[in-house]
Amino acid sequence: MQHTEHLPTSFPWRTSTVVVGAVAIVELVALIAIGAAQLAPQRVHTKAAAVTKPTLHTVANVRHIRRSPRTRCGLATASLCSC
């Protein structure tokens, strides 16, 4: 014997389905807008970019010291080397 549950016909199925569908569409549009805002490139204000000019880095005068040539053993003078 099969028993089925009888639901009252007065419940507005169609209205509730349309309301739930509308809420889902609003949520989808909001998520797409948030995702597009997060993935969009950041814009730099032109006034802020004009104020901060790129600085040129200059190299200070460097004095190079010439070293004496080394032998195979690493000593600077050949008189100390026994190689």
Protein backbone atom coordinates (compact mmCIF):
# COMPACT_ATOMS: atom_id res chain seq x y z
CA MET A 1 0.00 0.00 0.00
CA GLN A 2 1.44 3.32 -1.01
CA HIS A 3 0.88 6.44 1.00
CA THR A 4 1.58 9.88 -0.37
CA GLU A 5 1.72 13.05 1.59
CA HIS A 6 -0.98 15.45 0.61
CA LEU A 7 0.19 19.05 0.71
CA PRO A 8 -2.31 21.83 0.95
CA THR A 9 -2.83 23.51 -2.40
CA SER A 10 -3.01 26.93 -0.80
CA PHE A 11 0.81 27.20 -0.47
CA PRO A 12 2.13 29.63 -3.14
CA TRP A 13 4.86 27.48 -4.75
CA ARG A 14 5.26 29.64 -7.79
CA THR A 15 5.66 32.88 -5.82
CA SER A 16 8.25 31.45 -3.45
CA THR A 17 10.22 29.96 -6.37
CA VAL A 18 10.34 33.31 -8.15
CA VAL A 19 11.45 35.10 -4.96
CA VAL A 20 14.23 32.58 -4.28
CA GLY A 21 15.36 32.80 -7.93
CA ALA A 22 15.47 36.60 -7.75
CA VAL A 23 17.57 36.49 -4.56
CA ALA A 24 19.97 34.05 -6.23
CA ILE A 25 20.34 36.32 -9.27
CA VAL A 26 21.06 39.33 -7.05
CA GLU A 27 23.72 37.34 -5.18
CA LEU A 28 25.29 36.20 -8.45
CA VAL A 29 25.47 39.75 -9.79
CA ALA A 30 26.99 40.96 -6.50
CA LEU A 31 29.65 38.22 -6.58
CA ILE A 32 30.54 39.00 -10.19
CA ALA A 33 30.86 42.71 -9.35
CA ILE A 34 33.10 41.99 -6.36
CA GLY A 35 35.26 39.63 -8.43
CA ALA A 36 35.60 42.17 -11.24
CA ALA A 37 36.57 44.87 -8.75
CA GLN A 38 39.24 42.63 -7.21
CA LEU A 39 40.71 41.59 -10.57
CA ALA A 40 40.68 45.07 -12.12
CA PRO A 41 44.07 46.83 -12.28
CA GLN A 42 44.60 49.49 -9.65
CA ARG A 43 44.52 53.06 -10.95
CA VAL A 44 47.15 55.52 -9.79
CA HIS A 45 46.05 59.08 -9.17
CA THR A 46 47.76 61.48 -11.57
CA LYS A 47 48.47 64.05 -8.86
CA ALA A 48 50.20 61.51 -6.68
CA ALA A 49 52.23 60.25 -9.64
CA ALA A 50 53.28 63.80 -10.54
CA VAL A 51 54.45 64.56 -7.00
CA THR A 52 56.66 61.51 -6.68
CA LYS A 53 59.28 61.88 -9.36
CA PRO A 54 61.69 59.05 -9.93
CA THR A 55 65.02 59.67 -8.28
CA LEU A 56 68.25 59.11 -10.11
CA HIS A 57 70.80 57.13 -8.17
CA THR A 58 74.35 58.28 -8.67
CA VAL A 59 77.38 56.21 -7.93
CA ALA A 60 79.92 57.76 -5.60
CA ASN A 61 83.49 58.06 -6.75
CA VAL A 62 85.14 54.75 -6.06
CA ARG A 63 88.88 54.46 -5.73
CA HIS A 64 90.17 51.08 -6.78
CA ILE A 65 93.22 49.71 -5.02
CA ARG A 66 95.58 47.75 -7.18
CA ARG A 67 96.75 44.57 -5.56
CA SER A 68 100.07 42.95 -6.12
CA PRO A 69 99.97 39.76 -8.17
CA ARG A 70 99.80 36.59 -6.15
CA THR A 71 101.67 33.38 -6.66
CA ARG A 72 100.14 29.91 -6.83
CA CYS A 73 100.27 29.46 -3.06
CA GLY A 74 98.54 32.78 -2.40
CA LEU A 75 101.44 34.74 -0.94
CA ALA A 76 102.03 38.22 -2.30
CA THR A 77 105.78 38.00 -2.57
CA ALA A 78 107.77 35.31 -4.24
CA SER A 79 110.46 35.42 -1.53
CA LEU A 80 108.03 33.91 1.01
CA CYS A 81 106.75 31.32 -1.41
CA SER A 82 108.37 27.93 -1.66
CA CYS A 83 106.36 26.66 -4.59
